[in-house]
Structure formats: structure tokens, C-alpha cells
Amino acid sequence: MHLRPTYSGVVSTVALVVALSGTAYAAATITGADVKDGTLAGRDVRNNTLTTKDVRSLTKQDFKAGVLPTPGPGVRIEASGALSVPSGPDAVFEMDTEVFDTGGMYTAPDDFVTITREGTYLVTAFIHFNGPAAQRQLRLLVDDAIVEIAADSGADSRYTGRVTALLRLTEGQKVNIGTFADVVVPVANFTGTNDVALELQWMAP
């Protein structure tokens, strides 16, 4: 038995061939010059098809205001010299060195920094303890509430208390460091280094 093509079958086949060849032709010949500026949207581009080489010439002028994140504020303040930690909680150090302050968060001679932009901050602090065996703590405080503690029993005559934390902070909050010791403990005066420091860096909204 022989199958004979019908008129409708032939027409359908021809239409399919034309459609497929037209698509291939369009994909091969349409360039950026054929597209009107401002007419393509994100939905017109298949996900994960653009690579670094396709966008390497973009600058911030190619983006609407507010689309790109702006660098966040950061600050580092330090204290040095003949310092000591008194017996009891929360000694206050006069931070005599402003290393940097890109967000207007520190005003000398304050012993704290004030958050000027809400977000997540990487916060680090350290202190060099020296002297007799004792319970020694470095405390990181936000609005006078303890959020992190580094503690040592004083087995070593010199000990660096260090805290690192990612904190969600809001505008107006105050961040500083405090201490606790059960006896008076001198702060190690290492030549050429600062002995107490507090640093904050904005990381994300």
C-alpha cells in the first residue's frame, strides 16, 4: 500500500520549513544595530546567557540612580600609651587616634562610635592585657549592652583580648568597648603598636 501526500500535509510541511529557516535567519542576522535603544527588557534576555565579556564596558552611568549599592561607612579608632584596666567592669579608654572615618561616626575625644547608616557591620576590637594573673575580659557593647566577650583567666602575663562580630545596627546606636578585671591589670605597651582598637565596617543593607 502506498501513501499519497495530501494537499494539507504538503502545505503544513512547507510552512514548518519556512518558519524554522526564518528563525535561524533572524538569529544569525539580527544585531544590536537592528534593535531600537531602550526597547529590550530583562525578560527579553534568557537567564544566564550574558557573560562578563558582554558587560565589561558598563559604567555606573549605565544604571539608574539607587540601583547600585554605594560603599558603606567604616571607622577605626585606637588608644595607646600608659593604660591600665581597673578592677571591676567597663573601663573607658580615651581613644586618642582616629585612623579613618568614612561615615562621620567618630568625634574626638569620644570613647564610642555612632552608627550613621543602618545595615550589617563587621565589628572588631582588641586590647593587649599585661601583668598579673587575673580574670580579664574585653567586652563589645552596643548602647551599653554587652553583645560579645573575649575572656582569659590570666595564665599568660600577656594576653590579647579580641572580639569579632557581624552585627545588625541601626542609625543612632552607639558602639564601644569595655573591660572587666578582678584586679588592676596594666595594658601592654608594645612599641610601635596600638594597644586598644575598635573598628566597624558596613557590609550590607
N, C-alpha and C. Protein backbone atom coordinates (compact mmCIF):
# COMPACT_ATOMS: atom_id res chain seq x y z
N MET A 1 0.86 -1.18 0.00
CA MET A 1 0.00 0.00 0.00
C MET A 1 0.89 1.23 0.00
N HIS A 2 0.61 2.19 -0.88
CA HIS A 2 1.40 3.40 -1.00
C HIS A 2 0.63 4.58 -0.41
N LEU A 3 1.34 5.37 0.41
CA LEU A 3 0.73 6.57 0.97
C LEU A 3 0.94 7.72 0.01
N ARG A 4 -0.12 8.44 -0.27
CA ARG A 4 -0.03 9.58 -1.17
C ARG A 4 -0.16 10.86 -0.36
N PRO A 5 0.78 11.78 -0.53
CA PRO A 5 0.70 13.04 0.23
C PRO A 5 -0.57 13.81 -0.11
N THR A 6 -1.11 14.41 0.91
CA THR A 6 -2.30 15.24 0.70
C THR A 6 -1.88 16.69 0.57
N TYR A 7 -2.79 17.48 0.06
CA TYR A 7 -2.50 18.91 -0.10
C TYR A 7 -2.23 19.56 1.25
N SER A 8 -3.06 19.25 2.24
CA SER A 8 -2.87 19.88 3.57
C SER A 8 -1.56 19.47 4.20
N GLY A 9 -1.15 18.23 4.00
CA GLY A 9 0.12 17.78 4.56
C GLY A 9 1.30 18.49 3.94
N VAL A 10 1.25 18.68 2.64
CA VAL A 10 2.33 19.38 1.96
C VAL A 10 2.42 20.81 2.44
N VAL A 11 1.29 21.48 2.54
CA VAL A 11 1.27 22.88 2.99
C VAL A 11 1.83 23.00 4.40
N SER A 12 1.45 22.07 5.29
CA SER A 12 1.95 22.11 6.66
C SER A 12 3.46 21.93 6.72
N THR A 13 3.96 21.03 5.92
CA THR A 13 5.41 20.79 5.90
C THR A 13 6.17 22.00 5.40
N VAL A 14 5.67 22.60 4.32
CA VAL A 14 6.32 23.79 3.77
C VAL A 14 6.30 24.92 4.79
N ALA A 15 5.18 25.10 5.47
CA ALA A 15 5.07 26.18 6.47
C ALA A 15 6.07 25.97 7.61
N LEU A 16 6.23 24.71 8.05
CA LEU A 16 7.18 24.41 9.13
C LEU A 16 8.61 24.72 8.70
N VAL A 17 8.97 24.32 7.48
CA VAL A 17 10.32 24.58 6.98
C VAL A 17 10.58 26.07 6.89
N VAL A 18 9.62 26.83 6.41
CA VAL A 18 9.79 28.29 6.30
C VAL A 18 9.94 28.92 7.67
N ALA A 19 9.12 28.45 8.61
CA ALA A 19 9.18 29.03 9.96
C ALA A 19 10.52 28.76 10.61
N LEU A 20 11.00 27.54 10.49
CA LEU A 20 12.28 27.20 11.11
C LEU A 20 13.43 27.94 10.44
N SER A 21 13.43 28.02 9.15
CA SER A 21 14.51 28.72 8.46
C SER A 21 14.46 30.20 8.73
N GLY A 22 13.25 30.75 8.92
CA GLY A 22 13.12 32.17 9.25
C GLY A 22 13.71 32.48 10.60
N THR A 23 13.47 31.58 11.57
CA THR A 23 14.03 31.76 12.92
C THR A 23 15.55 31.72 12.88
N ALA A 24 16.08 30.75 12.15
CA ALA A 24 17.53 30.64 12.03
C ALA A 24 18.11 31.87 11.36
N TYR A 25 17.42 32.35 10.34
CA TYR A 25 17.89 33.54 9.63
C TYR A 25 17.91 34.75 10.56
N ALA A 26 16.85 34.89 11.36
CA ALA A 26 16.76 36.03 12.26
C ALA A 26 17.87 35.98 13.31
N ALA A 27 18.09 34.77 13.86
CA ALA A 27 19.12 34.63 14.89
C ALA A 27 20.50 34.93 14.36
N ALA A 28 20.70 34.64 13.08
CA ALA A 28 22.03 34.82 12.50
C ALA A 28 22.28 36.23 12.01
N THR A 29 21.23 37.01 11.76
CA THR A 29 21.43 38.30 11.10
C THR A 29 21.04 39.51 11.93
N ILE A 30 20.24 39.35 13.00
CA ILE A 30 19.84 40.50 13.81
C ILE A 30 20.99 40.89 14.73
N THR A 31 21.36 42.14 14.72
CA THR A 31 22.43 42.66 15.57
C THR A 31 21.90 43.79 16.43
N GLY A 32 22.78 44.34 17.27
CA GLY A 32 22.38 45.45 18.11
C GLY A 32 21.91 46.65 17.33
N ALA A 33 22.42 46.80 16.09
CA ALA A 33 22.01 47.93 15.26
C ALA A 33 20.56 47.83 14.83
N ASP A 34 19.99 46.59 14.87
CA ASP A 34 18.60 46.38 14.46
C ASP A 34 17.61 46.61 15.60
N VAL A 35 18.14 46.82 16.84
CA VAL A 35 17.26 46.96 18.00
C VAL A 35 17.23 48.42 18.42
N LYS A 36 16.04 48.95 18.56
CA LYS A 36 15.88 50.34 18.98
C LYS A 36 16.32 50.49 20.43
N ASP A 37 17.09 51.53 20.73
CA ASP A 37 17.56 51.78 22.08
C ASP A 37 16.40 51.84 23.06
N GLY A 38 16.58 51.18 24.20
CA GLY A 38 15.57 51.25 25.25
C GLY A 38 14.40 50.31 25.09
N THR A 39 14.42 49.44 24.05
CA THR A 39 13.27 48.57 23.83
C THR A 39 13.44 47.19 24.44
N LEU A 40 14.66 46.74 24.68
CA LEU A 40 14.87 45.43 25.30
C LEU A 40 14.74 45.54 26.81
N ALA A 41 14.09 44.56 27.41
CA ALA A 41 13.94 44.48 28.87
C ALA A 41 14.59 43.21 29.37
N GLY A 42 14.66 43.07 30.67
CA GLY A 42 15.26 41.88 31.24
C GLY A 42 14.58 40.60 30.80
N ARG A 43 13.26 40.65 30.59
CA ARG A 43 12.53 39.44 30.19
C ARG A 43 12.87 39.01 28.76
N ASP A 44 13.49 39.92 27.99
CA ASP A 44 13.85 39.58 26.61
C ASP A 44 15.17 38.82 26.53
N VAL A 45 15.89 38.71 27.63
CA VAL A 45 17.19 38.04 27.64
C VAL A 45 17.07 36.77 28.46
N ARG A 46 17.47 35.65 27.87
CA ARG A 46 17.40 34.38 28.58
C ARG A 46 18.34 34.40 29.79
N ASN A 47 17.87 33.85 30.91
CA ASN A 47 18.68 33.81 32.13
C ASN A 47 20.02 33.13 31.88
N ASN A 48 21.07 33.69 32.46
CA ASN A 48 22.42 33.12 32.44
C ASN A 48 23.06 33.09 31.05
N THR A 49 22.56 33.92 30.12
CA THR A 49 23.17 33.94 28.79
C THR A 49 24.18 35.06 28.63
N LEU A 50 24.10 36.11 29.45
CA LEU A 50 25.09 37.18 29.40
C LEU A 50 26.29 36.81 30.26
N THR A 51 27.47 37.08 29.77
CA THR A 51 28.70 36.80 30.50
C THR A 51 29.45 38.09 30.77
N THR A 52 30.56 37.97 31.49
CA THR A 52 31.35 39.14 31.83
C THR A 52 31.79 39.91 30.59
N LYS A 53 32.18 39.20 29.54
CA LYS A 53 32.65 39.89 28.34
C LYS A 53 31.54 40.70 27.66
N ASP A 54 30.27 40.33 27.91
CA ASP A 54 29.16 41.06 27.31
C ASP A 54 28.88 42.38 28.01
N VAL A 55 29.35 42.54 29.24
CA VAL A 55 29.02 43.75 30.01
C VAL A 55 30.26 44.45 30.55
N ARG A 56 31.44 44.10 30.05
CA ARG A 56 32.67 44.63 30.63
C ARG A 56 32.82 46.14 30.45
N SER A 57 32.08 46.73 29.50
CA SER A 57 32.23 48.16 29.27
C SER A 57 31.19 49.00 30.01
N LEU A 58 30.37 48.35 30.84
CA LEU A 58 29.36 49.10 31.59
C LEU A 58 30.02 49.98 32.64
N THR A 59 29.47 51.16 32.87
CA THR A 59 29.90 52.05 33.94
C THR A 59 28.68 52.40 34.79
N LYS A 60 28.92 53.10 35.89
CA LYS A 60 27.80 53.43 36.78
C LYS A 60 26.79 54.35 36.10
N GLN A 61 27.21 55.04 35.02
CA GLN A 61 26.27 55.90 34.30
C GLN A 61 25.22 55.07 33.54
N ASP A 62 25.47 53.77 33.36
CA ASP A 62 24.53 52.91 32.66
C ASP A 62 23.41 52.41 33.56
N PHE A 63 23.45 52.76 34.84
CA PHE A 63 22.45 52.29 35.79
C PHE A 63 21.67 53.46 36.36
N LYS A 64 20.40 53.23 36.66
CA LYS A 64 19.58 54.26 37.29
C LYS A 64 20.10 54.56 38.69
N ALA A 65 19.86 55.78 39.13
CA ALA A 65 20.28 56.18 40.47
C ALA A 65 19.63 55.28 41.51
N GLY A 66 20.42 54.82 42.47
CA GLY A 66 19.90 53.99 43.54
C GLY A 66 19.92 52.50 43.26
N VAL A 67 20.22 52.11 42.01
CA VAL A 67 20.24 50.69 41.67
C VAL A 67 21.49 50.01 42.22
N LEU A 68 22.63 50.66 42.07
CA LEU A 68 23.88 50.11 42.57
C LEU A 68 24.08 50.50 44.04
N PRO A 69 24.53 49.55 44.87
CA PRO A 69 24.82 49.91 46.27
C PRO A 69 26.01 50.85 46.35
N THR A 70 25.95 51.79 47.27
CA THR A 70 27.07 52.69 47.48
C THR A 70 27.95 52.15 48.60
N PRO A 71 29.26 52.41 48.53
CA PRO A 71 30.13 51.91 49.59
C PRO A 71 29.67 52.37 50.96
N GLY A 72 29.75 51.46 51.93
CA GLY A 72 29.27 51.79 53.26
C GLY A 72 30.33 52.43 54.12
N PRO A 73 29.92 53.06 55.20
CA PRO A 73 30.87 53.76 56.08
C PRO A 73 31.74 52.78 56.87
N GLY A 74 32.90 53.27 57.25
CA GLY A 74 33.80 52.49 58.09
C GLY A 74 34.55 53.42 59.02
N VAL A 75 35.03 52.87 60.14
CA VAL A 75 35.76 53.68 61.11
C VAL A 75 36.71 52.78 61.89
N ARG A 76 37.85 53.34 62.26
CA ARG A 76 38.78 52.67 63.18
C ARG A 76 39.35 53.71 64.13
N ILE A 77 39.22 53.44 65.43
CA ILE A 77 39.79 54.31 66.45
C ILE A 77 40.67 53.47 67.36
N GLU A 78 41.71 54.11 67.91
CA GLU A 78 42.70 53.39 68.70
C GLU A 78 43.08 54.19 69.94
N ALA A 79 43.66 53.48 70.91
CA ALA A 79 44.23 54.12 72.09
C ALA A 79 45.61 53.51 72.33
N SER A 80 46.50 54.31 72.81
CA SER A 80 47.85 53.81 73.07
C SER A 80 48.43 54.55 74.26
N GLY A 81 49.61 54.12 74.71
CA GLY A 81 50.26 54.81 75.82
C GLY A 81 50.13 54.03 77.11
N ALA A 82 50.36 54.71 78.23
CA ALA A 82 50.33 54.06 79.54
C ALA A 82 48.88 53.93 80.00
N LEU A 83 48.30 52.75 79.78
CA LEU A 83 46.91 52.50 80.12
C LEU A 83 46.84 51.35 81.11
N SER A 84 45.74 51.28 81.82
CA SER A 84 45.52 50.14 82.71
C SER A 84 44.03 49.88 82.81
N VAL A 85 43.72 48.64 83.13
CA VAL A 85 42.33 48.22 83.32
C VAL A 85 42.07 48.18 84.82
N PRO A 86 41.16 48.99 85.31
CA PRO A 86 40.89 48.98 86.76
C PRO A 86 40.13 47.73 87.17
N SER A 87 40.15 47.47 88.44
CA SER A 87 39.36 46.36 88.97
C SER A 87 37.88 46.70 88.81
N GLY A 88 37.13 45.75 88.29
CA GLY A 88 35.70 45.97 88.09
C GLY A 88 35.36 46.04 86.61
N PRO A 89 34.13 46.40 86.30
CA PRO A 89 33.67 46.34 84.92
C PRO A 89 33.86 47.64 84.15
N ASP A 90 33.98 47.48 82.82
CA ASP A 90 33.79 48.55 81.85
C ASP A 90 34.66 49.78 82.04
N ALA A 91 35.97 49.57 81.93
CA ALA A 91 36.88 50.71 81.87
C ALA A 91 36.63 51.46 80.57
N VAL A 92 36.81 52.77 80.62
CA VAL A 92 36.63 53.60 79.43
C VAL A 92 37.99 54.11 78.99
N PHE A 93 38.31 53.92 77.73
CA PHE A 93 39.59 54.37 77.20
C PHE A 93 39.38 55.61 76.35
N GLU A 94 40.26 56.58 76.53
CA GLU A 94 40.22 57.75 75.66
C GLU A 94 40.89 57.36 74.36
N MET A 95 40.09 57.21 73.32
CA MET A 95 40.61 56.77 72.03
C MET A 95 41.29 57.97 71.36
N ASP A 96 42.60 57.99 71.42
CA ASP A 96 43.34 59.19 71.02
C ASP A 96 43.75 59.22 69.55
N THR A 97 43.45 58.15 68.80
CA THR A 97 43.86 58.09 67.40
C THR A 97 42.68 57.70 66.52
N GLU A 98 42.37 58.56 65.56
CA GLU A 98 41.37 58.22 64.54
C GLU A 98 42.13 57.80 63.29
N VAL A 99 42.12 56.51 62.99
CA VAL A 99 42.85 56.01 61.83
C VAL A 99 42.10 56.35 60.55
N PHE A 100 40.80 56.09 60.53
CA PHE A 100 39.96 56.53 59.42
C PHE A 100 38.51 56.59 59.89
N ASP A 101 37.73 57.38 59.19
CA ASP A 101 36.30 57.52 59.49
C ASP A 101 35.61 58.01 58.22
N THR A 102 35.05 57.07 57.45
CA THR A 102 34.43 57.43 56.18
C THR A 102 32.94 57.72 56.30
N GLY A 103 32.42 57.64 57.50
CA GLY A 103 30.99 57.85 57.65
C GLY A 103 30.61 58.86 58.72
N GLY A 104 31.59 59.62 59.23
CA GLY A 104 31.28 60.59 60.26
C GLY A 104 30.76 59.96 61.53
N MET A 105 31.34 58.81 61.92
CA MET A 105 30.84 58.07 63.07
C MET A 105 31.58 58.38 64.37
N TYR A 106 32.72 59.08 64.27
CA TYR A 106 33.52 59.32 65.48
C TYR A 106 33.82 60.79 65.64
N THR A 107 33.69 61.26 66.89
CA THR A 107 34.05 62.63 67.23
C THR A 107 34.98 62.59 68.43
N ALA A 108 36.21 63.03 68.25
CA ALA A 108 37.18 63.04 69.36
C ALA A 108 36.73 64.02 70.43
N PRO A 109 36.93 63.74 71.71
CA PRO A 109 37.61 62.57 72.29
C PRO A 109 36.63 61.49 72.77
N ASP A 110 35.52 61.27 72.07
CA ASP A 110 34.56 60.25 72.49
C ASP A 110 35.23 58.89 72.58
N ASP A 111 34.68 58.02 73.41
CA ASP A 111 35.17 56.65 73.51
C ASP A 111 34.22 55.69 72.79
N PHE A 112 33.34 56.21 71.93
CA PHE A 112 32.37 55.38 71.20
C PHE A 112 32.23 55.90 69.78
N VAL A 113 31.61 55.07 68.94
CA VAL A 113 31.25 55.50 67.59
C VAL A 113 29.74 55.44 67.48
N THR A 114 29.19 56.30 66.64
CA THR A 114 27.74 56.38 66.45
C THR A 114 27.40 55.94 65.04
N ILE A 115 26.47 55.02 64.92
CA ILE A 115 26.08 54.49 63.61
C ILE A 115 25.34 55.56 62.82
N THR A 116 25.79 55.79 61.59
CA THR A 116 25.17 56.80 60.73
C THR A 116 24.41 56.20 59.56
N ARG A 117 24.53 54.89 59.35
CA ARG A 117 23.81 54.22 58.26
C ARG A 117 23.40 52.83 58.72
N GLU A 118 22.12 52.55 58.65
CA GLU A 118 21.62 51.24 59.07
C GLU A 118 22.20 50.14 58.19
N GLY A 119 22.45 48.99 58.78
CA GLY A 119 22.94 47.87 58.00
C GLY A 119 23.66 46.84 58.85
N THR A 120 24.29 45.90 58.17
CA THR A 120 25.08 44.87 58.82
C THR A 120 26.55 45.30 58.83
N TYR A 121 27.16 45.30 59.99
CA TYR A 121 28.54 45.75 60.16
C TYR A 121 29.42 44.61 60.63
N LEU A 122 30.66 44.60 60.10
CA LEU A 122 31.70 43.76 60.67
C LEU A 122 32.40 44.58 61.74
N VAL A 123 32.34 44.10 62.97
CA VAL A 123 32.88 44.85 64.10
C VAL A 123 34.01 44.03 64.72
N THR A 124 35.17 44.67 64.90
CA THR A 124 36.30 44.02 65.54
C THR A 124 36.87 44.95 66.61
N ALA A 125 37.41 44.35 67.66
CA ALA A 125 38.04 45.13 68.73
C ALA A 125 39.10 44.27 69.38
N PHE A 126 40.14 44.92 69.91
CA PHE A 126 41.15 44.17 70.64
C PHE A 126 41.76 45.05 71.73
N ILE A 127 42.39 44.37 72.71
CA ILE A 127 43.14 45.04 73.76
C ILE A 127 44.28 44.11 74.18
N HIS A 128 45.46 44.68 74.42
CA HIS A 128 46.60 43.91 74.90
C HIS A 128 46.66 44.02 76.43
N PHE A 129 46.36 42.92 77.11
CA PHE A 129 46.48 42.88 78.57
C PHE A 129 47.90 42.48 78.96
N ASN A 130 48.31 42.92 80.13
CA ASN A 130 49.64 42.59 80.64
C ASN A 130 49.50 42.36 82.14
N GLY A 131 50.60 41.91 82.77
CA GLY A 131 50.64 41.92 84.23
C GLY A 131 50.17 40.65 84.89
N PRO A 132 49.61 40.78 86.11
CA PRO A 132 49.37 39.62 86.97
C PRO A 132 48.25 38.72 86.44
N ALA A 133 48.28 37.48 86.91
CA ALA A 133 47.19 36.56 86.59
C ALA A 133 45.88 37.10 87.14
N ALA A 134 44.87 37.11 86.30
CA ALA A 134 43.59 37.67 86.71
C ALA A 134 42.53 37.26 85.71
N GLN A 135 41.30 37.41 86.11
CA GLN A 135 40.20 37.26 85.17
C GLN A 135 40.15 38.54 84.34
N ARG A 136 40.33 38.41 83.02
CA ARG A 136 40.39 39.58 82.15
C ARG A 136 39.40 39.40 81.02
N GLN A 137 38.62 40.44 80.76
CA GLN A 137 37.62 40.38 79.70
C GLN A 137 37.66 41.64 78.85
N LEU A 138 37.46 41.44 77.55
CA LEU A 138 37.16 42.54 76.64
C LEU A 138 35.71 42.39 76.24
N ARG A 139 34.97 43.47 76.37
CA ARG A 139 33.53 43.43 76.09
C ARG A 139 33.19 44.39 74.96
N LEU A 140 32.40 43.89 74.02
CA LEU A 140 31.87 44.73 72.95
C LEU A 140 30.45 45.12 73.33
N LEU A 141 30.19 46.45 73.35
CA LEU A 141 28.90 46.94 73.81
C LEU A 141 28.19 47.74 72.72
N VAL A 142 26.88 47.56 72.64
CA VAL A 142 26.02 48.36 71.77
C VAL A 142 24.96 48.99 72.66
N ASP A 143 24.95 50.32 72.71
CA ASP A 143 24.05 51.05 73.60
C ASP A 143 24.17 50.52 75.04
N ASP A 144 25.43 50.32 75.45
CA ASP A 144 25.79 49.89 76.81
C ASP A 144 25.36 48.47 77.16
N ALA A 145 24.91 47.70 76.17
CA ALA A 145 24.57 46.29 76.40
C ALA A 145 25.67 45.41 75.80
N ILE A 146 26.11 44.40 76.55
CA ILE A 146 27.17 43.52 76.08
C ILE A 146 26.64 42.62 74.98
N VAL A 147 27.37 42.57 73.84
CA VAL A 147 26.97 41.69 72.74
C VAL A 147 28.02 40.61 72.47
N GLU A 148 29.28 40.85 72.85
CA GLU A 148 30.34 39.85 72.68
C GLU A 148 31.36 40.02 73.81
N ILE A 149 31.98 38.89 74.23
CA ILE A 149 33.00 38.92 75.28
C ILE A 149 34.16 38.02 74.87
N ALA A 150 35.39 38.50 75.05
CA ALA A 150 36.59 37.66 74.98
C ALA A 150 37.16 37.60 76.38
N ALA A 151 37.37 36.39 76.92
CA ALA A 151 37.78 36.24 78.32
C ALA A 151 39.03 35.38 78.44
N ASP A 152 39.82 35.64 79.48
CA ASP A 152 41.03 34.89 79.76
C ASP A 152 41.21 34.82 81.27
N SER A 153 41.74 33.69 81.72
CA SER A 153 41.92 33.51 83.16
C SER A 153 43.22 34.12 83.67
N GLY A 154 44.08 34.57 82.76
CA GLY A 154 45.31 35.22 83.19
C GLY A 154 46.47 34.28 83.37
N ALA A 155 46.43 33.11 82.74
CA ALA A 155 47.55 32.18 82.86
C ALA A 155 48.80 32.74 82.20
N ASP A 156 48.63 33.54 81.17
CA ASP A 156 49.76 34.19 80.50
C ASP A 156 49.85 35.63 80.96
N SER A 157 51.08 36.13 81.11
CA SER A 157 51.24 37.50 81.57
C SER A 157 50.75 38.50 80.52
N ARG A 158 50.87 38.12 79.24
CA ARG A 158 50.37 38.98 78.17
C ARG A 158 49.29 38.24 77.40
N TYR A 159 48.20 38.92 77.19
CA TYR A 159 47.05 38.29 76.55
C TYR A 159 46.35 39.33 75.69
N THR A 160 46.01 38.96 74.47
CA THR A 160 45.24 39.85 73.60
C THR A 160 43.79 39.41 73.59
N GLY A 161 42.94 40.26 74.15
CA GLY A 161 41.51 40.01 74.06
C GLY A 161 41.01 40.54 72.73
N ARG A 162 40.30 39.71 71.97
CA ARG A 162 39.83 40.12 70.64
C ARG A 162 38.42 39.59 70.41
N VAL A 163 37.57 40.47 69.90
CA VAL A 163 36.22 40.06 69.52
C VAL A 163 35.97 40.46 68.07
N THR A 164 35.22 39.62 67.38
CA THR A 164 34.80 39.89 66.01
C THR A 164 33.34 39.47 65.89
N ALA A 165 32.53 40.35 65.33
CA ALA A 165 31.10 40.04 65.23
C ALA A 165 30.49 40.72 64.02
N LEU A 166 29.49 40.06 63.45
CA LEU A 166 28.62 40.69 62.45
C LEU A 166 27.37 41.13 63.17
N LEU A 167 27.13 42.44 63.17
CA LEU A 167 26.00 42.98 63.92
C LEU A 167 25.08 43.79 63.02
N ARG A 168 23.80 43.61 63.24
CA ARG A 168 22.79 44.44 62.57
C ARG A 168 22.59 45.67 63.42
N LEU A 169 22.95 46.85 62.88
CA LEU A 169 22.92 48.09 63.67
C LEU A 169 22.06 49.12 62.97
N THR A 170 21.41 49.97 63.76
CA THR A 170 20.54 51.00 63.21
C THR A 170 21.13 52.38 63.50
N GLU A 171 20.69 53.34 62.72
CA GLU A 171 21.20 54.70 62.83
C GLU A 171 20.98 55.23 64.26
N GLY A 172 22.02 55.82 64.80
CA GLY A 172 21.94 56.40 66.14
C GLY A 172 22.47 55.51 67.24
N GLN A 173 22.64 54.21 66.98
CA GLN A 173 23.17 53.34 68.03
C GLN A 173 24.64 53.66 68.29
N LYS A 174 25.07 53.43 69.54
CA LYS A 174 26.44 53.70 69.94
C LYS A 174 27.16 52.39 70.21
N VAL A 175 28.38 52.28 69.70
CA VAL A 175 29.19 51.08 69.86
C VAL A 175 30.50 51.45 70.56
N ASN A 176 30.87 50.71 71.60
CA ASN A 176 32.15 50.95 72.24
C ASN A 176 32.64 49.66 72.89
N ILE A 177 33.79 49.74 73.51
CA ILE A 177 34.34 48.56 74.17
C ILE A 177 34.50 48.84 75.65
N GLY A 178 34.38 47.78 76.42
CA GLY A 178 34.58 47.87 77.86
C GLY A 178 35.41 46.70 78.32
N THR A 179 35.75 46.67 79.59
CA THR A 179 36.57 45.60 80.13
C THR A 179 36.03 45.16 81.48
N PHE A 180 36.54 44.01 81.90
CA PHE A 180 36.35 43.57 83.28
C PHE A 180 37.64 42.92 83.73
N ALA A 181 38.04 43.18 84.96
CA ALA A 181 39.18 42.51 85.58
C ALA A 181 38.93 42.43 87.08
N ASP A 182 39.41 41.34 87.69
CA ASP A 182 39.19 41.23 89.15
C ASP A 182 40.33 41.85 89.95
N VAL A 183 41.39 42.31 89.27
CA VAL A 183 42.42 43.14 89.89
C VAL A 183 42.83 44.18 88.86
N VAL A 184 43.61 45.18 89.28
CA VAL A 184 44.10 46.17 88.32
C VAL A 184 45.08 45.48 87.37
N VAL A 185 44.86 45.63 86.08
CA VAL A 185 45.69 44.99 85.07
C VAL A 185 46.23 46.05 84.12
N PRO A 186 47.54 46.16 84.00
CA PRO A 186 48.07 47.12 83.03
C PRO A 186 47.83 46.65 81.59
N VAL A 187 47.74 47.62 80.70
CA VAL A 187 47.63 47.31 79.28
C VAL A 187 49.04 47.26 78.73
N ALA A 188 49.37 46.18 78.03
CA ALA A 188 50.71 46.01 77.49
C ALA A 188 51.04 47.14 76.53
N ASN A 189 52.18 47.75 76.74
CA ASN A 189 52.61 48.86 75.89
C ASN A 189 53.64 48.33 74.90
N PHE A 190 53.14 47.76 73.81
CA PHE A 190 54.02 47.21 72.79
C PHE A 190 54.54 48.34 71.91
N THR A 191 55.82 48.44 71.76
CA THR A 191 56.42 49.52 70.98
C THR A 191 55.97 49.45 69.54
N GLY A 192 55.50 50.57 69.03
CA GLY A 192 55.12 50.65 67.62
C GLY A 192 53.75 50.13 67.29
N THR A 193 52.99 49.70 68.27
CA THR A 193 51.63 49.23 68.01
C THR A 193 50.66 49.94 68.93
N ASN A 194 49.41 49.96 68.50
CA ASN A 194 48.36 50.48 69.38
C ASN A 194 47.87 49.35 70.27
N ASP A 195 47.42 49.70 71.44
CA ASP A 195 47.10 48.70 72.45
C ASP A 195 45.61 48.44 72.62
N VAL A 196 44.79 49.36 72.13
CA VAL A 196 43.35 49.18 72.18
C VAL A 196 42.80 49.71 70.86
N ALA A 197 41.90 48.98 70.22
CA ALA A 197 41.33 49.43 68.96
C ALA A 197 39.91 48.95 68.79
N LEU A 198 39.11 49.74 68.08
CA LEU A 198 37.74 49.40 67.73
C LEU A 198 37.54 49.76 66.27
N GLU A 199 37.02 48.83 65.49
CA GLU A 199 36.82 49.06 64.06
C GLU A 199 35.45 48.55 63.63
N LEU A 200 34.77 49.34 62.81
CA LEU A 200 33.49 48.93 62.23
C LEU A 200 33.53 49.17 60.73
N GLN A 201 32.96 48.24 59.97
CA GLN A 201 32.85 48.39 58.54
C GLN A 201 31.47 47.92 58.08
N TRP A 202 30.74 48.84 57.42
CA TRP A 202 29.43 48.49 56.88
C TRP A 202 29.60 47.46 55.78
N MET A 203 28.76 46.39 55.80
CA MET A 203 28.90 45.31 54.84
C MET A 203 27.71 45.19 53.88
N ALA A 204 26.51 45.42 54.38
CA ALA A 204 25.31 45.22 53.56
C ALA A 204 24.13 45.91 54.21
N PRO A 205 23.07 46.19 53.41
CA PRO A 205 21.87 46.81 53.98
C PRO A 205 21.23 45.92 55.03
